[in-house]
Structures are given as structure tokens and as C-alpha cells.
C-alpha atoms as a PDB file:
ATOM      1  CA  MET A   1      18.902   3.241   2.315  1.00  0.00           C
ATOM      2  CA  LEU A   2      19.692   1.265  -0.632  1.00  0.00           C
ATOM      3  CA  ASP A   3      22.354   3.918  -1.744  1.00  0.00           C
ATOM      4  CA  TRP A   4      23.351   3.796   1.505  1.00  0.00           C
ATOM      5  CA  LEU A   5      23.950   0.517   2.289  1.00  0.00           C
ATOM      6  CA  GLY A   6      24.837  -0.475  -1.921  1.00  0.00           C
ATOM      7  CA  PRO A   7      22.289  -2.317  -3.916  1.00  0.00           C
ATOM      8  CA  ASP A   8      24.885  -4.841  -4.859  1.00  0.00           C
ATOM      9  CA  ARG A   9      24.629  -6.277  -0.859  1.00  0.00           C
ATOM     10  CA  PHE A  10      21.062  -7.320  -1.051  1.00  0.00           C
ATOM     11  CA  LEU A  11      20.415 -10.935  -1.562  1.00  0.00           C
ATOM     12  CA  SER A  12      17.378 -12.191  -3.240  1.00  0.00           C
ATOM     13  CA  PRO A  13      15.092 -14.107  -1.591  1.00  0.00           C
ATOM     14  CA  GLN A  14      15.984 -17.263  -3.623  1.00  0.00           C
ATOM     15  CA  ASP A  15      19.980 -16.316  -2.849  1.00  0.00           C
ATOM     16  CA  TRP A  16      19.163 -15.559   0.514  1.00  0.00           C
ATOM     17  CA  THR A  17      17.020 -18.823   1.066  1.00  0.00           C
ATOM     18  CA  GLU A  18      19.490 -21.129  -0.191  1.00  0.00           C
ATOM     19  CA  ARG A  19      22.203 -19.704   1.641  1.00  0.00           C
ATOM     20  CA  ALA A  20      20.201 -19.909   4.925  1.00  0.00           C
ATOM     21  CA  LEU A  21      19.483 -23.583   4.340  1.00  0.00           C
ATOM     22  CA  ALA A  22      22.980 -24.596   2.794  1.00  0.00           C
ATOM     23  CA  GLY A  23      24.472 -22.870   6.584  1.00  0.00           C
ATOM     24  CA  ARG A  24      26.381 -20.375   4.636  1.00  0.00           C
ATOM     25  CA  LEU A  25      24.736 -17.397   5.424  1.00  0.00           C
ATOM     26  CA  GLY A  26      27.295 -14.828   6.018  1.00  0.00           C
ATOM     27  CA  PRO A  27      26.039 -11.592   8.716  1.00  0.00           C
ATOM     28  CA  ASP A  28      26.747  -9.306   6.398  1.00  0.00           C
ATOM     29  CA  ASP A  29      24.140 -10.959   3.697  1.00  0.00           C
ATOM     30  CA  LEU A  30      21.128  -8.773   3.168  1.00  0.00           C
ATOM     31  CA  CYS A  31      17.651  -9.883   1.868  1.00  0.00           C
ATOM     32  CA  LEU A  32      14.459  -7.345   1.705  1.00  0.00           C
ATOM     33  CA  THR A  33      11.686  -8.525   3.649  1.00  0.00           C
ATOM     34  CA  PHE A  34       8.268  -6.739   3.490  1.00  0.00           C
ATOM     35  CA  ASP A  35       5.317  -7.202   6.110  1.00  0.00           C
ATOM     36  CA  ASP A  36       1.282  -7.579   5.918  1.00  0.00           C
ATOM     37  CA  ALA A  37       1.118  -6.770   2.135  1.00  0.00           C
ATOM     38  CA  LEU A  38       0.323  -3.671   2.683  1.00  0.00           C
ATOM     39  CA  LEU A  39      -0.434  -1.710  -0.630  1.00  0.00           C
ATOM     40  CA  CYS A  40       1.536   1.038   0.284  1.00  0.00           C
ATOM     41  CA  GLN A  41       4.669  -1.086   0.284  1.00  0.00           C
ATOM     42  CA  SER A  42       2.987  -2.109  -3.469  1.00  0.00           C
ATOM     43  CA  GLU A  43       2.660   1.124  -4.340  1.00  0.00           C
ATOM     44  CA  ILE A  44       6.147   2.882  -3.182  1.00  0.00           C
ATOM     45  CA  ALA A  45       8.491   0.146  -2.793  1.00  0.00           C
ATOM     46  CA  ALA A  46       7.899  -1.892  -5.947  1.00  0.00           C
ATOM     47  CA  PRO A  47       8.754   0.617  -8.045  1.00  0.00           C
ATOM     48  CA  VAL A  48      11.825   1.661  -6.255  1.00  0.00           C
ATOM     49  CA  LEU A  49      13.057  -2.562  -6.148  1.00  0.00           C
ATOM     50  CA  LYS A  50      12.336  -2.792  -9.576  1.00  0.00           C
ATOM     51  CA  ALA A  51      14.817   0.502 -10.512  1.00  0.00           C
ATOM     52  CA  TYR A  52      17.115  -0.686  -8.619  1.00  0.00           C
ATOM     53  CA  GLY A  53      16.425  -4.166 -10.056  1.00  0.00           C
ATOM     54  CA  LEU A  54      15.723  -6.049  -6.746  1.00  0.00           C
ATOM     55  CA  THR A  55      13.211  -8.604  -5.178  1.00  0.00           C
ATOM     56  CA  GLY A  56      12.259  -8.999  -1.634  1.00  0.00           C
ATOM     57  CA  PHE A  57      10.113 -11.025   0.495  1.00  0.00           C
ATOM     58  CA  TRP A  58       6.804 -10.201   0.612  1.00  0.00           C
ATOM     59  CA  PHE A  59       4.761 -11.937   3.285  1.00  0.00           C
ATOM     60  CA  VAL A  60       0.831 -11.702   3.490  1.00  0.00           C
ATOM     61  CA  TYR A  61      -1.212 -10.491   7.116  1.00  0.00           C
ATOM     62  CA  SER A  62      -3.867 -12.186   8.143  1.00  0.00           C
ATOM     63  CA  SER A  63      -5.955  -9.258   9.921  1.00  0.00           C
ATOM     64  CA  VAL A  64      -8.050  -9.163   6.666  1.00  0.00           C
ATOM     65  CA  LEU A  65      -9.227 -12.719   6.843  1.00  0.00           C
ATOM     66  CA  GLU A  66     -10.455 -12.333  10.536  1.00  0.00           C
ATOM     67  CA  GLY A  67     -12.239  -9.073   9.166  1.00  0.00           C
ATOM     68  CA  ARG A  68     -10.417  -6.949  10.732  1.00  0.00           C
ATOM     69  CA  SER A  69      -8.791  -3.643   9.229  1.00  0.00           C
ATOM     70  CA  GLU A  70      -5.147  -2.616   9.017  1.00  0.00           C
ATOM     71  CA  ARG A  71      -4.350   0.457  10.526  1.00  0.00           C
ATOM     72  CA  LEU A  72      -1.182   1.414   8.876  1.00  0.00           C
ATOM     73  CA  GLU A  73      -3.473   1.306   5.564  1.00  0.00           C
ATOM     74  CA  LEU A  74      -5.876   4.110   6.982  1.00  0.00           C
ATOM     75  CA  TYR A  75      -3.164   6.166   7.988  1.00  0.00           C
ATOM     76  CA  ARG A  76      -1.553   5.978   4.592  1.00  0.00           C
ATOM     77  CA  HIS A  77      -4.535   7.153   2.925  1.00  0.00           C
ATOM     78  CA  PHE A  78      -5.500  10.089   5.131  1.00  0.00           C
ATOM     79  CA  ARG A  79      -1.813  11.248   5.131  1.00  0.00           C
ATOM     80  CA  SER A  80      -2.467  10.512   1.052  1.00  0.00           C
ATOM     81  CA  THR A  81      -5.454  12.209   0.653  1.00  0.00           C
ATOM     82  CA  ARG A  82      -4.684  15.366   3.182  1.00  0.00           C
ATOM     83  CA  PHE A  83      -1.384  16.444   3.087  1.00  0.00           C
ATOM     84  CA  GLY A  84       0.842  17.123  -0.353  1.00  0.00           C
ATOM     85  CA  ASP A  85       3.029  14.576   0.512  1.00  0.00           C
ATOM     86  CA  VAL A  86       4.828  12.551   3.035  1.00  0.00           C
ATOM     87  CA  ASP A  87       7.399  15.101   3.983  1.00  0.00           C
ATOM     88  CA  GLU A  88       4.269  17.488   4.863  1.00  0.00           C
ATOM     89  CA  PHE A  89       2.583  15.049   6.715  1.00  0.00           C
ATOM     90  CA  TYR A  90       5.679  14.148   8.999  1.00  0.00           C
ATOM     91  CA  ALA A  91       6.573  17.789   8.977  1.00  0.00           C
ATOM     92  CA  ALA A  92       2.905  18.494  11.027  1.00  0.00           C
ATOM     93  CA  PHE A  93       3.174  15.424  12.881  1.00  0.00           C
ATOM     94  CA  GLN A  94       6.508  16.188  14.515  1.00  0.00           C
ATOM     95  CA  ALA A  95       5.200  19.973  15.123  1.00  0.00           C
ATOM     96  CA  ARG A  96       2.275  18.590  17.044  1.00  0.00           C
ATOM     97  CA  LEU A  97       3.819  16.587  18.820  1.00  0.00           C
ATOM     98  CA  GLU A  98       5.894  19.122  20.025  1.00  0.00           C
ATOM     99  CA  ARG A  99       3.292  21.188  20.882  1.00  0.00           C
ATOM    100  CA  SER A 100       1.286  18.018  22.988  1.00  0.00           C
ATOM    101  CA  ASP A 101       1.921  16.740  26.441  1.00  0.00           C
ATOM    102  CA  HIS A 102       3.654  14.108  25.154  1.00  0.00           C
ATOM    103  CA  GLY A 103       6.547  16.448  23.610  1.00  0.00           C
ATOM    104  CA  ALA A 104       9.204  15.923  25.970  1.00  0.00           C
ATOM    105  CA  GLU A 105       8.576  12.078  25.950  1.00  0.00           C
ATOM    106  CA  ALA A 106       8.946  11.815  22.327  1.00  0.00           C
ATOM    107  CA  ARG A 107      12.019  14.095  22.374  1.00  0.00           C
ATOM    108  CA  ALA A 108      13.556  11.827  25.198  1.00  0.00           C
ATOM    109  CA  ALA A 109      13.029   9.082  23.578  1.00  0.00           C
ATOM    110  CA  LEU A 110      14.677   9.553  20.053  1.00  0.00           C
ATOM    111  CA  SER A 111      17.492  11.937  21.991  1.00  0.00           C
ATOM    112  CA  ASP A 112      19.898   8.986  20.966  1.00  0.00           C
ATOM    113  CA  SER A 113      21.653  10.799  17.714  1.00  0.00           C
ATOM    114  CA  ARG A 114      20.733   8.754  15.480  1.00  0.00           C
ATOM    115  CA  ARG A 115      16.734   8.448  16.113  1.00  0.00           C
ATOM    116  CA  SER A 116      17.080  12.224  16.526  1.00  0.00           C
ATOM    117  CA  ALA A 117      18.810  12.936  12.543  1.00  0.00           C
ATOM    118  CA  ILE A 118      16.536  10.261  11.654  1.00  0.00           C
ATOM    119  CA  TRP A 119      13.036  12.254  13.229  1.00  0.00           C
ATOM    120  CA  ARG A 120      14.627  15.709  12.718  1.00  0.00           C
ATOM    121  CA  SER A 121      15.061  15.197   9.104  1.00  0.00           C
ATOM    122  CA  SER A 122      12.565  13.294   7.402  1.00  0.00           C
ATOM    123  CA  THR A 123      14.165  14.011   4.102  1.00  0.00           C
ATOM    124  CA  SER A 124      13.784  12.306   0.848  1.00  0.00           C
ATOM    125  CA  THR A 125      16.601  10.811  -0.936  1.00  0.00           C
ATOM    126  CA  PRO A 126      16.238  10.405  -4.542  1.00  0.00           C
ATOM    127  CA  THR A 127      15.915   6.948  -6.981  1.00  0.00           C
ATOM    128  CA  PRO A 128      17.126   6.412  -9.405  1.00  0.00           C
ATOM    129  CA  THR A 129      13.456   6.796 -11.100  1.00  0.00           C
ATOM    130  CA  GLY A 130      14.039  10.717 -10.651  1.00  0.00           C
ATOM    131  CA  GLY A 131      11.742  10.593  -7.737  1.00  0.00           C
ATOM    132  CA  SER A 132      12.778  10.512  -4.002  1.00  0.00           C
ATOM    133  CA  ALA A 133      11.317   7.812  -0.964  1.00  0.00           C
ATOM    134  CA  SER A 134      10.777   9.608   2.389  1.00  0.00           C
ATOM    135  CA  CYS A 135      12.550   8.179   5.568  1.00  0.00           C
ATOM    136  CA  ALA A 136       9.672   7.552   7.896  1.00  0.00           C
ATOM    137  CA  ILE A 137      10.115   7.893  12.300  1.00  0.00           C
ATOM    138  CA  GLY A 138      10.582   4.188  12.903  1.00  0.00           C
ATOM    139  CA  CYS A 139      12.598   3.032   9.945  1.00  0.00           C
ATOM    140  CA  TRP A 140      16.544   3.347  11.795  1.00  0.00           C
ATOM    141  CA  ASP A 141      18.691   0.000  11.724  1.00  0.00           C
ATOM    142  CA  ARG A 142      17.145  -2.098  14.761  1.00  0.00           C
ATOM    143  CA  ARG A 143      21.187  -3.839  14.976  1.00  0.00           C
ATOM    144  CA  ALA A 144      22.058  -0.017  16.529  1.00  0.00           C
ATOM    145  CA  THR A 145      19.131   0.923  18.073  1.00  0.00           C
ATOM    146  CA  LYS A 146      16.865  -1.190  20.717  1.00  0.00           C
ATOM    147  CA  ARG A 147      13.627  -0.285  21.369  1.00  0.00           C
END
């Protein structure tokens, strides 16, 4: 995503806030946000941002303070310990979904060509550090599609 959009298009949180408060935030001004302070964001996104020299807003979730577990972290742990990599996980997930009673419903929901391309590909894109960052289900541009 960063390569496609261009890392120079992303404002720092400070620049974004200053422009927003001054009423100078343009329609093409972008800033990265990370909700819920998930461990996977720190492990995956933080090194990529560092490689690009970028920063973003990091928001903390409160469910841990209420004694609840964050399901996304549990899913990430399962994926990380039971599969070789994220692409293997999504291939298995998609194959299982296709065989389930919900396969037709999932295909219909993802019939939009942009969503379908992301769903089918689960592609890895090179990062400046030589690794890869995979696009998970649901990472399409929200301006282009409505859920």
C-alpha cells in the first residue's frame, strides 16, 4: 500500500493535526492510524513504518482494562503458530470457506472486482527491508467500496 500510494503522501500525526486544527487539511492528505494497540501492529507495521521513515497515530483499546481478551490478537497468535506464513493461512481459510455452506454468500459479497482481486491474491508485496507485507481480507480502500 505504501509503495502504491507513495510514502511521501503520508503526513506525520503532528502535521496532520496541525493542518486539521488550522482548517488546511486537504482531501488528499493522508495519515496512518492503528486502532486497538494490537501486538501484531507493533510487530508487523512498526518495522515497515521505520523502514519508510513514517509515523502514524496509535490508538489504545480499553477492553483489556475491562478484563476482556482482544479476539484479533488470539486469531493472530493461532495463525502465527499453526501456519508457516500469513499467505498459507489465508489460502487455507479461503479453501475452507469455499467448501462451507457460506461459500456462495462469501463469493457474492466479494463479487466487486476490486474486492475479488484482493481476496484471490492475498499477495505479498516487497518492503524496503527485503521482507514482505501481506494484504489480508478487508484491507481495500473504504472510499472505493462500502461494506
